[in-house]
């Protein structure tokens, strides 16, 4: 049986890529060293949480759905929010 990491590496290679970016919580599942053995650079997308108004909430509540950001922000602000990240 092929595992998750092997499946991702096979897809990455099939697409002629040498890098794969996963959500930040994937650090618990995948190891950079494993991917490196197959000449694939593994990165993890880590969002930069910029506070935004959330209706009548006094304090910013992070890690809500993108739907929350869409409810309280204009298009340009939403694009800025979802473009704020780093690859670790």
Protein backbone atom coordinates (compact mmCIF):
# COMPACT_ATOMS: atom_id res chain seq x y z
CA UNK A 1 0.00 0.00 0.00
CA UNK A 2 1.32 3.42 -0.94
CA UNK A 3 1.44 5.98 1.86
CA UNK A 4 0.42 9.64 1.82
CA UNK A 5 3.94 10.99 1.45
CA UNK A 6 4.74 8.58 -1.38
CA UNK A 7 1.53 9.54 -3.18
CA UNK A 8 2.36 13.26 -2.90
CA UNK A 9 5.90 12.70 -4.12
CA UNK A 10 4.61 10.66 -7.09
CA UNK A 11 2.15 13.42 -8.03
CA UNK A 12 4.86 16.07 -7.66
CA UNK A 13 7.21 14.12 -9.92
CA UNK A 14 4.40 13.38 -12.41
CA UNK A 15 3.81 17.13 -12.70
CA UNK A 16 7.54 17.64 -13.36
CA UNK A 17 7.95 19.70 -10.22
CA UNK A 18 10.75 19.70 -7.69
CA UNK A 19 8.82 21.36 -4.86
CA UNK A 20 5.66 20.71 -2.91
CA UNK A 21 3.93 23.11 -0.51
CA UNK A 22 1.56 21.77 2.12
CA UNK A 23 -0.56 23.42 4.79
CA UNK A 24 1.37 24.17 8.00
CA UNK A 25 -0.27 21.36 9.97
CA UNK A 26 1.30 18.90 7.55
CA UNK A 27 4.52 19.24 9.53
CA UNK A 28 3.08 16.55 11.77
CA UNK A 29 2.67 14.20 8.79
CA UNK A 30 5.53 14.91 6.39
CA UNK A 31 9.26 15.34 6.91
CA UNK A 32 11.44 17.51 4.67
CA UNK A 33 14.23 14.92 4.81
CA UNK A 34 11.96 12.24 3.29
CA UNK A 35 11.02 14.46 0.35
CA UNK A 36 14.63 15.63 -0.06
CA UNK A 37 15.69 12.00 -0.65
CA UNK A 38 13.58 12.17 -3.82
CA UNK A 39 14.90 15.63 -4.83
CA UNK A 40 11.71 17.40 -3.77
CA UNK A 41 11.79 20.55 -1.65
CA UNK A 42 8.97 20.40 0.88
CA UNK A 43 7.61 23.64 2.28
CA UNK A 44 4.76 24.49 4.60
CA UNK A 45 2.44 27.44 4.12
CA UNK A 46 2.16 29.40 7.34
CA UNK A 47 -0.49 32.15 7.30
CA UNK A 48 0.30 35.58 8.69
CA UNK A 49 -2.83 36.53 10.59
CA UNK A 50 -3.52 40.22 10.18
CA UNK A 51 -6.37 41.35 12.43
CA UNK A 52 -9.44 42.79 10.75
CA UNK A 53 -12.74 44.10 12.13
CA UNK A 54 -15.19 41.30 12.95
CA UNK A 55 -18.45 43.09 13.48
CA UNK A 56 -19.09 43.97 17.09
CA UNK A 57 -16.32 41.73 18.49
CA UNK A 58 -14.04 43.79 20.69
CA UNK A 59 -11.06 41.50 20.10
CA UNK A 60 -9.88 39.79 16.92
CA UNK A 61 -10.67 36.05 16.82
CA UNK A 62 -8.02 34.32 14.67
CA UNK A 63 -8.23 31.10 12.66
CA UNK A 64 -11.85 31.47 11.58
CA UNK A 65 -12.99 30.48 8.11
CA UNK A 66 -12.21 32.62 5.10
CA UNK A 67 -15.97 33.18 5.08
CA UNK A 68 -15.55 35.32 8.19
CA UNK A 69 -12.99 37.49 6.40
CA UNK A 70 -15.35 37.75 3.43
CA UNK A 71 -18.22 38.91 5.64
CA UNK A 72 -16.28 41.82 7.13
CA UNK A 73 -13.94 42.97 4.36
CA UNK A 74 -13.98 44.41 0.86
CA UNK A 75 -12.47 42.46 -2.05
CA UNK A 76 -9.08 44.23 -1.93
CA UNK A 77 -8.78 43.62 1.81
CA UNK A 78 -9.66 39.92 1.37
CA UNK A 79 -7.02 39.54 -1.33
CA UNK A 80 -4.46 41.15 0.96
CA UNK A 81 -5.42 38.84 3.84
CA UNK A 82 -5.13 35.64 1.83
CA UNK A 83 -1.85 36.80 0.29
CA UNK A 84 -0.22 37.16 3.72
CA UNK A 85 1.78 34.02 4.37
CA UNK A 86 5.28 32.61 4.51
CA UNK A 87 6.70 29.30 3.39
CA UNK A 88 8.63 27.53 6.15
